């Protein structure tokens, strides 16, 4: 009998040391897809960072660029109107101004039948600077801008009643204040400078600057005369046009005066002191003397009892001369020293005289009336009158 071979154990299937070929292929494909997607994401992120860095560099360069124009955004809206206005002045081409009116890019412009076109803001400001810098009552007056055809001033020139009260006695009734309404109508002021068409055709010629200077010059001369002696008919009412009375008998509605003691000069420096203290204390803090150059030449020779000049020149450039400590405004339209003339005024004109004006300045181009020259008819509306009769006093040159 043959013996069976010994049993060594149960037979096991062999162990695989490598992944299944199909699974291995799937894993590789997934890894490749992931790497491709990550590379694309990384490239996109780097591109975004590069663009952001470039923007930051450009912003930094602009902020540190010394040649970059300041406030350029604020100036841009005025450019279209200024260019269109320049074309109108030089060639009479108003299409640009009409276009701006239709598109609403500038201030409302008026057609020729309504009196011309509004000037551009730069030219308007230049004219206003000339007016403000002129030797005129405008320098010290109260200047207001209005949109209406007149300006009303309400003045309380009465003494408001008052009293003291206690817990026992009945409070007494006080008096009612007196209030006056002063209406200042606006009048049309015009100027008519002219230039040759050949000059206007020259591109190097600064038409706006020239026009602003000529208009401002003519307006300033007309205003200065009207604010002093205008009769109120189609022009402002000058402060010397109102009735006058000796300061001892002065009443509201006119101006008070003191006498100089001489028809041709001063009886002494004391008369100027009398003039100063004829003005109420509430007005003296902001008061000024007003006179012309001829009168100023006589006044600056006056000395006090100790031999010191009453007149002192300004210490700084642009500072007005002072008389008895008060500023002196030279207004050439003031009358010369003569019998019964009011050659010197002293008062707080910021309270006592009001100039009212509209902000718009219009120009109408006229190439036909003065050939071969071109006329520029410039107009604005302005008014002026005394707004507080107690705030201004006069020196009358008289023996009595």
Protein backbone atom coordinates (compact mmCIF):
# COMPACT_ATOMS: atom_id res chain seq x y z
CA UNK A 1 0.00 0.00 0.00
CA UNK A 2 1.38 3.22 -1.07
CA UNK A 3 1.59 6.03 1.54
CA UNK A 4 0.06 9.46 0.72
CA UNK A 5 2.35 12.42 0.77
CA UNK A 6 2.20 14.54 3.91
CA UNK A 7 -0.21 17.59 3.93
CA UNK A 8 1.67 20.83 4.25
CA UNK A 9 -1.38 23.20 4.41
CA UNK A 10 -4.20 24.74 2.38
CA UNK A 11 -3.13 26.17 -0.97
CA UNK A 12 -3.54 30.14 -1.19
CA UNK A 13 -3.82 32.22 -4.35
CA UNK A 14 -0.73 34.24 -5.19
CA UNK A 15 -0.65 37.97 -3.81
CA UNK A 16 -0.60 40.78 -6.43
CA UNK A 17 2.15 43.37 -5.87
CA UNK A 18 1.08 45.77 -8.71
CA UNK A 19 -2.30 47.63 -9.10
CA UNK A 20 -4.77 46.53 -11.63
CA UNK A 21 -3.81 47.93 -15.04
CA UNK A 22 -7.22 49.59 -15.60
CA UNK A 23 -7.20 51.30 -12.16
CA UNK A 24 -3.68 52.52 -12.70
CA UNK A 25 -4.71 54.13 -15.97
CA UNK A 26 -7.65 55.97 -14.33
CA UNK A 27 -5.49 57.37 -11.53
CA UNK A 28 -2.91 58.70 -13.95
CA UNK A 29 -5.59 60.36 -16.05
CA UNK A 30 -7.14 62.01 -12.96
CA UNK A 31 -3.75 63.28 -11.80
CA UNK A 32 -2.96 64.70 -15.23
CA UNK A 33 -6.32 66.48 -15.36
CA UNK A 34 -5.78 67.93 -11.87
CA UNK A 35 -2.30 69.23 -12.75
CA UNK A 36 -3.55 70.82 -15.96
CA UNK A 37 -6.37 72.57 -14.10
CA UNK A 38 -4.03 73.76 -11.36
CA UNK A 39 -1.55 75.12 -13.91
CA UNK A 40 -4.32 77.09 -15.63
CA UNK A 41 -5.54 78.45 -12.27
CA UNK A 42 -2.02 79.44 -11.29
CA UNK A 43 -1.44 81.22 -14.60
CA UNK A 44 -4.72 83.14 -14.21
CA UNK A 45 -3.84 84.23 -10.66
CA UNK A 46 -0.38 85.40 -11.72
CA UNK A 47 -1.88 87.34 -14.61
CA UNK A 48 -4.35 89.08 -12.27
CA UNK A 49 -1.59 90.00 -9.81
CA UNK A 50 0.51 91.40 -12.68
CA UNK A 51 -2.37 93.62 -13.87
CA UNK A 52 -3.07 94.88 -10.35
CA UNK A 53 0.59 95.68 -9.81
CA UNK A 54 0.69 97.62 -13.09
CA UNK A 55 -2.36 99.67 -12.07
CA UNK A 56 -0.78 100.51 -8.70
CA UNK A 57 2.42 101.67 -10.41
CA UNK A 58 0.49 103.90 -12.81
CA UNK A 59 -1.53 105.43 -9.97
CA UNK A 60 1.63 106.12 -7.98
CA UNK A 61 3.31 107.74 -10.99
CA UNK A 62 0.31 110.03 -11.58
CA UNK A 63 0.14 111.08 -7.94
CA UNK A 64 3.85 112.00 -7.94
CA UNK A 65 3.97 113.57 -11.38
CA UNK A 66 4.78 117.32 -10.86
CA UNK A 67 3.57 118.24 -14.34
CA UNK A 68 0.09 116.90 -13.78
CA UNK A 69 -2.37 119.83 -13.97
CA UNK A 70 -4.13 120.53 -10.68
CA UNK A 71 -7.91 120.80 -10.55
CA UNK A 72 -8.13 119.86 -14.21
CA UNK A 73 -11.50 118.22 -13.61
CA UNK A 74 -12.86 121.46 -12.18
CA UNK A 75 -11.72 123.43 -15.22
CA UNK A 76 -13.08 121.05 -17.84
CA UNK A 77 -16.76 122.17 -17.76
CA UNK A 78 -15.75 125.76 -18.61
CA UNK A 79 -13.71 124.87 -21.69
CA UNK A 80 -16.58 124.31 -24.18
CA UNK A 81 -18.20 127.65 -23.30
CA UNK A 82 -14.88 129.48 -23.47
CA UNK A 83 -14.02 128.04 -26.89
CA UNK A 84 -17.49 128.77 -28.25
CA UNK A 85 -17.38 132.31 -26.88
CA UNK A 86 -13.95 132.88 -28.45
CA UNK A 87 -15.31 131.80 -31.84
CA UNK A 88 -18.23 134.20 -31.45
CA UNK A 89 -15.96 137.16 -30.58
CA UNK A 90 -13.51 136.56 -33.40
CA UNK A 91 -15.76 135.47 -36.26
CA UNK A 92 -19.35 135.98 -35.13
CA UNK A 93 -19.91 132.21 -35.14
CA UNK A 94 -22.58 131.59 -32.49
CA UNK A 95 -23.35 127.97 -33.42
CA UNK A 96 -21.21 126.72 -30.54
CA UNK A 97 -23.01 128.92 -28.01
CA UNK A 98 -26.40 127.83 -29.28
CA UNK A 99 -25.29 124.21 -29.15
CA UNK A 100 -24.21 124.61 -25.54
CA UNK A 101 -27.58 126.09 -24.72
CA UNK A 102 -29.39 123.15 -26.29
CA UNK A 103 -27.17 120.53 -24.63
CA UNK A 104 -27.22 122.26 -21.26
CA UNK A 105 -23.44 122.23 -20.96
CA UNK A 106 -23.09 125.87 -19.90
CA UNK A 107 -24.99 128.69 -18.37
CA UNK A 108 -28.20 129.66 -20.11
CA UNK A 109 -27.31 131.87 -23.07
CA UNK A 110 -29.53 134.52 -24.62
CA UNK A 111 -30.10 135.03 -28.34
CA UNK A 112 -29.09 138.32 -29.93
CA UNK A 113 -32.59 139.76 -29.76
CA UNK A 114 -32.42 139.45 -25.98
CA UNK A 115 -29.22 141.46 -25.68
CA UNK A 116 -26.31 139.19 -26.54
CA UNK A 117 -24.61 136.16 -25.02
CA UNK A 118 -23.34 135.56 -21.52
CA UNK A 119 -19.57 135.84 -21.42
CA UNK A 120 -17.48 132.87 -20.35
CA UNK A 121 -16.68 132.62 -16.60
CA UNK A 122 -13.00 133.54 -17.00
CA UNK A 123 -13.76 136.82 -18.79
CA UNK A 124 -16.56 137.63 -16.35
CA UNK A 125 -14.24 137.12 -13.37
CA UNK A 126 -11.62 139.35 -14.99
CA UNK A 127 -14.13 142.19 -15.41
CA UNK A 128 -15.23 141.76 -11.80
CA UNK A 129 -11.61 141.95 -10.62
CA UNK A 130 -11.14 145.27 -12.43
CA UNK A 131 -14.28 146.67 -10.83
CA UNK A 132 -13.31 145.51 -7.35
CA UNK A 133 -9.82 146.96 -7.66
CA UNK A 134 -10.89 150.36 -8.98
CA UNK A 135 -10.72 153.50 -6.81
CA UNK A 136 -14.43 153.64 -6.13
CA UNK A 137 -17.05 153.54 -3.39
CA UNK A 138 -17.49 149.89 -4.41
CA UNK A 139 -14.30 149.14 -2.44
CA UNK A 140 -15.91 150.00 0.87
CA UNK A 141 -19.64 149.64 0.13
CA UNK A 142 -21.89 146.67 0.84
CA UNK A 143 -21.97 144.75 -2.48
CA UNK A 144 -24.77 142.20 -2.96
CA UNK A 145 -25.63 139.93 -5.89
CA UNK A 146 -29.31 139.59 -6.80
CA UNK A 147 -31.36 137.81 -9.46
CA UNK A 148 -34.28 140.28 -9.40
CA UNK A 149 -34.62 143.78 -10.92
CA UNK A 150 -34.31 145.53 -7.54
CA UNK A 151 -32.99 145.01 -4.05
CA UNK A 152 -34.85 145.99 -0.88
CA UNK A 153 -33.11 147.04 2.34
CA UNK A 154 -35.02 147.06 5.62
CA UNK A 155 -33.57 149.56 8.10
CA UNK A 156 -34.58 149.92 11.74
CA UNK A 157 -33.60 153.50 12.55
CA UNK A 158 -35.84 153.94 15.57
CA UNK A 159 -34.94 153.31 19.19
CA UNK A 160 -36.48 150.03 20.31
CA UNK A 161 -38.24 150.42 23.64
CA UNK A 162 -36.85 148.57 26.62
CA UNK A 163 -37.26 148.40 30.38
CA UNK A 164 -36.34 146.56 33.55
CA UNK A 165 -38.73 144.13 35.18
CA UNK A 166 -39.07 142.47 38.58
CA UNK A 167 -41.30 139.83 40.09
CA UNK A 168 -43.70 142.31 41.72
CA UNK A 169 -44.34 145.22 39.36
CA UNK A 170 -46.23 144.85 36.09
CA UNK A 171 -44.14 145.03 32.94
CA UNK A 172 -44.72 148.28 31.05
CA UNK A 173 -45.38 148.28 27.31
CA UNK A 174 -42.41 149.24 25.14
CA UNK A 175 -42.45 151.41 22.02
CA UNK A 176 -42.60 149.94 18.53
CA UNK A 177 -39.41 150.20 16.37
CA UNK A 178 -39.47 152.30 13.19
CA UNK A 179 -38.58 150.30 10.08
CA UNK A 180 -37.98 151.83 6.64
CA UNK A 181 -37.84 149.96 3.37
CA UNK A 182 -35.30 151.29 0.87
CA UNK A 183 -35.68 149.93 -2.67
CA UNK A 184 -32.56 149.94 -4.86
CA UNK A 185 -33.50 149.45 -8.54
CA UNK A 186 -30.99 147.93 -10.96
CA UNK A 187 -30.06 149.86 -14.11
CA UNK A 188 -28.37 148.74 -17.30
CA UNK A 189 -24.73 149.76 -17.57
CA UNK A 190 -23.17 149.45 -21.01
CA UNK A 191 -19.79 149.75 -22.71
CA UNK A 192 -18.93 149.69 -26.42
CA UNK A 193 -15.28 148.83 -27.09
CA UNK A 194 -14.21 148.18 -30.68
CA UNK A 195 -11.45 146.30 -32.48
CA UNK A 196 -10.47 145.76 -36.10
CA UNK A 197 -11.31 142.45 -37.77
CA UNK A 198 -7.65 142.09 -38.76
CA UNK A 199 -6.70 142.16 -35.09
CA UNK A 200 -9.40 139.62 -34.26
CA UNK A 201 -8.10 137.30 -36.98
CA UNK A 202 -4.69 137.20 -35.28
CA UNK A 203 -4.66 133.96 -33.28
CA UNK A 204 -1.98 135.37 -30.94
CA UNK A 205 -4.25 138.23 -29.88
CA UNK A 206 -5.84 137.58 -26.46
CA UNK A 207 -9.34 138.71 -27.31
CA UNK A 208 -10.87 137.71 -23.95
CA UNK A 209 -8.19 139.48 -21.90
CA UNK A 210 -8.36 142.63 -24.04
CA UNK A 211 -12.14 142.73 -23.90
CA UNK A 212 -12.27 142.15 -20.15
CA UNK A 213 -9.80 144.99 -19.56
CA UNK A 214 -11.66 147.48 -21.76
CA UNK A 215 -15.10 146.61 -20.40
CA UNK A 216 -13.92 146.62 -16.79
CA UNK A 217 -12.23 149.99 -17.30
CA UNK A 218 -15.33 151.67 -18.75
CA UNK A 219 -17.67 150.09 -16.22
CA UNK A 220 -15.44 151.17 -13.33
CA UNK A 221 -15.38 154.83 -14.46
CA UNK A 222 -19.15 154.93 -14.94
CA UNK A 223 -19.87 153.26 -11.61
CA UNK A 224 -17.46 155.44 -9.66
CA UNK A 225 -19.17 158.63 -10.84
CA UNK A 226 -22.70 157.28 -10.30
CA UNK A 227 -22.05 156.03 -6.75
CA UNK A 228 -20.97 159.55 -5.74
CA UNK A 229 -23.26 161.89 -7.70
CA UNK A 230 -25.66 159.77 -9.80
CA UNK A 231 -29.17 161.23 -10.02
CA UNK A 232 -30.95 157.86 -9.90
CA UNK A 233 -32.40 158.26 -13.42
CA UNK A 234 -31.26 155.23 -15.43
CA UNK A 235 -28.26 155.05 -13.12
CA UNK A 236 -27.49 154.44 -9.41
CA UNK A 237 -28.21 157.17 -6.88
CA UNK A 238 -25.06 158.77 -5.51
CA UNK A 239 -24.79 159.50 -1.81
CA UNK A 240 -24.11 163.21 -2.47
CA UNK A 241 -27.42 163.49 -4.36
CA UNK A 242 -29.49 163.23 -1.18
CA UNK A 243 -30.63 166.21 0.85
CA UNK A 244 -28.25 167.54 3.49
CA UNK A 245 -28.68 169.30 6.81
CA UNK A 246 -26.39 170.51 9.56
CA UNK A 247 -25.69 167.61 11.86
CA UNK A 248 -27.34 169.41 14.80
CA UNK A 249 -30.69 169.36 12.93
CA UNK A 250 -30.21 166.17 10.92
CA UNK A 251 -33.20 163.91 10.29
CA UNK A 252 -33.58 160.55 8.54
CA UNK A 253 -33.72 160.74 4.74
CA UNK A 254 -30.72 163.04 4.28
CA UNK A 255 -27.07 163.29 5.26
CA UNK A 256 -25.71 165.39 8.11
CA UNK A 257 -22.72 167.71 7.72
CA UNK A 258 -20.35 169.85 9.75
CA UNK A 259 -18.79 173.09 8.52
CA UNK A 260 -15.08 173.51 7.83
CA UNK A 261 -15.00 177.17 8.91
CA UNK A 262 -13.58 178.25 5.54
CA UNK A 263 -14.83 178.19 1.95
CA UNK A 264 -11.38 177.43 0.54
CA UNK A 265 -9.78 175.23 3.14
CA UNK A 266 -9.70 174.33 6.83
CA UNK A 267 -10.00 176.71 9.73
CA UNK A 268 -7.90 174.17 11.63
CA UNK A 269 -7.38 170.44 12.05
CA UNK A 270 -10.14 170.41 14.66
CA UNK A 271 -12.85 170.34 11.97
CA UNK A 272 -11.77 166.84 10.94
CA UNK A 273 -12.08 165.71 14.54
CA UNK A 274 -15.56 167.26 14.62
CA UNK A 275 -16.44 165.31 11.49
CA UNK A 276 -15.26 162.04 13.03
CA UNK A 277 -17.30 162.47 16.17
CA UNK A 278 -20.38 163.63 14.30
CA UNK A 279 -20.67 159.97 13.29
CA UNK A 280 -22.29 157.66 15.85
CA UNK A 281 -19.99 155.43 17.88
CA UNK A 282 -21.63 152.28 16.47
CA UNK A 283 -20.44 153.25 12.96
CA UNK A 284 -16.94 154.56 13.64
CA UNK A 285 -15.24 151.16 13.96
CA UNK A 286 -15.62 150.47 10.22
CA UNK A 287 -15.52 154.06 8.96
CA UNK A 288 -13.36 155.58 6.19
CA UNK A 289 -12.61 159.03 4.79
CA UNK A 290 -13.49 159.60 1.13
CA UNK A 291 -11.98 162.45 -0.94
CA UNK A 292 -10.28 163.13 -4.27
CA UNK A 293 -6.55 163.58 -4.86
CA UNK A 294 -6.63 167.38 -4.82
CA UNK A 295 -8.33 167.45 -1.44
CA UNK A 296 -5.98 164.76 -0.14
CA UNK A 297 -3.02 166.94 -1.12
CA UNK A 298 -4.31 169.70 1.18
CA UNK A 299 -5.31 167.39 4.02
CA UNK A 300 -1.94 165.67 4.27
CA UNK A 301 -0.33 169.05 5.11
CA UNK A 302 -2.42 169.47 8.27
CA UNK A 303 -0.64 169.13 11.63
CA UNK A 304 -1.84 168.89 15.20
CA UNK A 305 -0.86 171.28 18.00
CA UNK A 306 2.39 169.34 18.56
CA UNK A 307 3.44 169.65 14.91
CA UNK A 308 2.63 166.07 13.96
CA UNK A 309 0.94 165.32 10.65
CA UNK A 310 -2.62 164.02 10.88
CA UNK A 311 -2.02 161.98 7.73
CA UNK A 312 0.04 158.78 7.79
CA UNK A 313 0.89 156.65 4.76
CA UNK A 314 0.30 152.90 4.76
CA UNK A 315 3.23 150.86 6.05
CA UNK A 316 2.62 147.87 3.78
CA UNK A 317 2.06 147.64 0.03
CA UNK A 318 -1.61 148.03 -0.81
CA UNK A 319 -2.52 149.34 2.62
CA UNK A 320 -4.49 152.62 2.45
CA UNK A 321 -3.25 155.85 3.95
CA UNK A 322 -4.81 156.84 7.28
CA UNK A 323 -6.17 160.09 8.61
CA UNK A 324 -6.71 160.31 12.37
CA UNK A 325 -6.33 156.52 12.38
CA UNK A 326 -9.05 155.87 9.75
CA UNK A 327 -8.45 154.61 6.17
CA UNK A 328 -8.60 157.13 3.31
CA UNK A 329 -10.24 156.12 0.00
CA UNK A 330 -9.28 158.29 -2.97
CA UNK A 331 -12.36 158.70 -5.18
CA UNK A 332 -11.65 161.15 -7.99
CA UNK A 333 -15.35 161.81 -8.52
CA UNK A 334 -15.63 163.60 -5.18
CA UNK A 335 -15.90 167.40 -5.65
CA UNK A 336 -12.92 169.71 -5.19
CA UNK A 337 -12.73 172.08 -2.25
CA UNK A 338 -14.89 175.10 -3.09
CA UNK A 339 -17.54 177.25 -1.47
CA UNK A 340 -20.38 175.07 -0.09
CA UNK A 341 -18.93 171.89 -1.58
CA UNK A 342 -18.95 168.54 0.21
CA UNK A 343 -15.39 167.57 -0.63
CA UNK A 344 -14.88 165.10 2.23
CA UNK A 345 -17.13 162.30 3.44
CA UNK A 346 -16.62 160.17 6.51
CA UNK A 347 -18.69 157.12 7.29
CA UNK A 348 -19.16 153.39 7.48
CA UNK A 349 -20.00 152.78 3.83
CA UNK A 350 -20.28 149.03 4.39
CA UNK A 351 -23.47 149.87 6.25
CA UNK A 352 -24.36 153.22 4.71
CA UNK A 353 -24.19 152.47 0.98
CA UNK A 354 -25.31 149.32 -0.88
CA UNK A 355 -24.34 148.26 -4.39
CA UNK A 356 -26.67 145.66 -5.91
CA UNK A 357 -25.82 143.87 -9.15
CA UNK A 358 -26.78 140.90 -11.28
CA UNK A 359 -24.01 138.32 -11.85
CA UNK A 360 -24.48 138.04 -15.61
CA UNK A 361 -22.48 140.04 -18.15
CA UNK A 362 -23.68 139.97 -21.77
CA UNK A 363 -21.93 140.84 -25.00
CA UNK A 364 -23.42 141.47 -28.44
CA UNK A 365 -21.07 141.50 -31.44
CA UNK A 366 -21.80 144.19 -34.04
CA UNK A 367 -19.66 144.02 -37.22
CA UNK A 368 -21.84 146.44 -39.23
CA UNK A 369 -22.15 149.78 -37.40
CA UNK A 370 -18.49 150.82 -37.47
CA UNK A 371 -16.87 149.06 -40.46
CA UNK A 372 -14.08 147.99 -40.76
CA UNK A 373 -14.15 147.75 -36.96
CA UNK A 374 -16.19 145.35 -34.86
CA UNK A 375 -18.15 146.76 -31.92
CA UNK A 376 -18.78 144.76 -28.76
CA UNK A 377 -21.86 145.94 -26.90
CA UNK A 378 -21.40 144.81 -23.28
CA UNK A 379 -24.14 145.20 -20.68
CA UNK A 380 -24.69 144.40 -17.03
CA UNK A 381 -27.27 145.52 -14.46
CA UNK A 382 -26.22 147.40 -11.33
CA UNK A 383 -27.79 149.75 -8.80
CA UNK A 384 -26.71 151.65 -5.73
CA UNK A 385 -28.11 153.94 -3.03
CA UNK A 386 -27.72 155.00 0.57
CA UNK A 387 -28.97 152.23 2.82
CA UNK A 388 -28.42 153.91 6.21
CA UNK A 389 -28.50 157.71 6.35
CA UNK A 390 -26.98 157.77 9.84
CA UNK A 391 -23.81 155.98 8.69
CA UNK A 392 -22.37 158.78 6.49
CA UNK A 393 -21.39 162.36 7.43
CA UNK A 394 -20.06 165.16 5.22
CA UNK A 395 -17.67 168.09 5.60
CA UNK A 396 -19.12 171.24 4.04
CA UNK A 397 -16.64 173.96 3.11
CA UNK A 398 -18.36 177.06 4.42
CA UNK A 399 -17.56 180.03 6.69
CA UNK A 400 -20.69 179.55 8.77
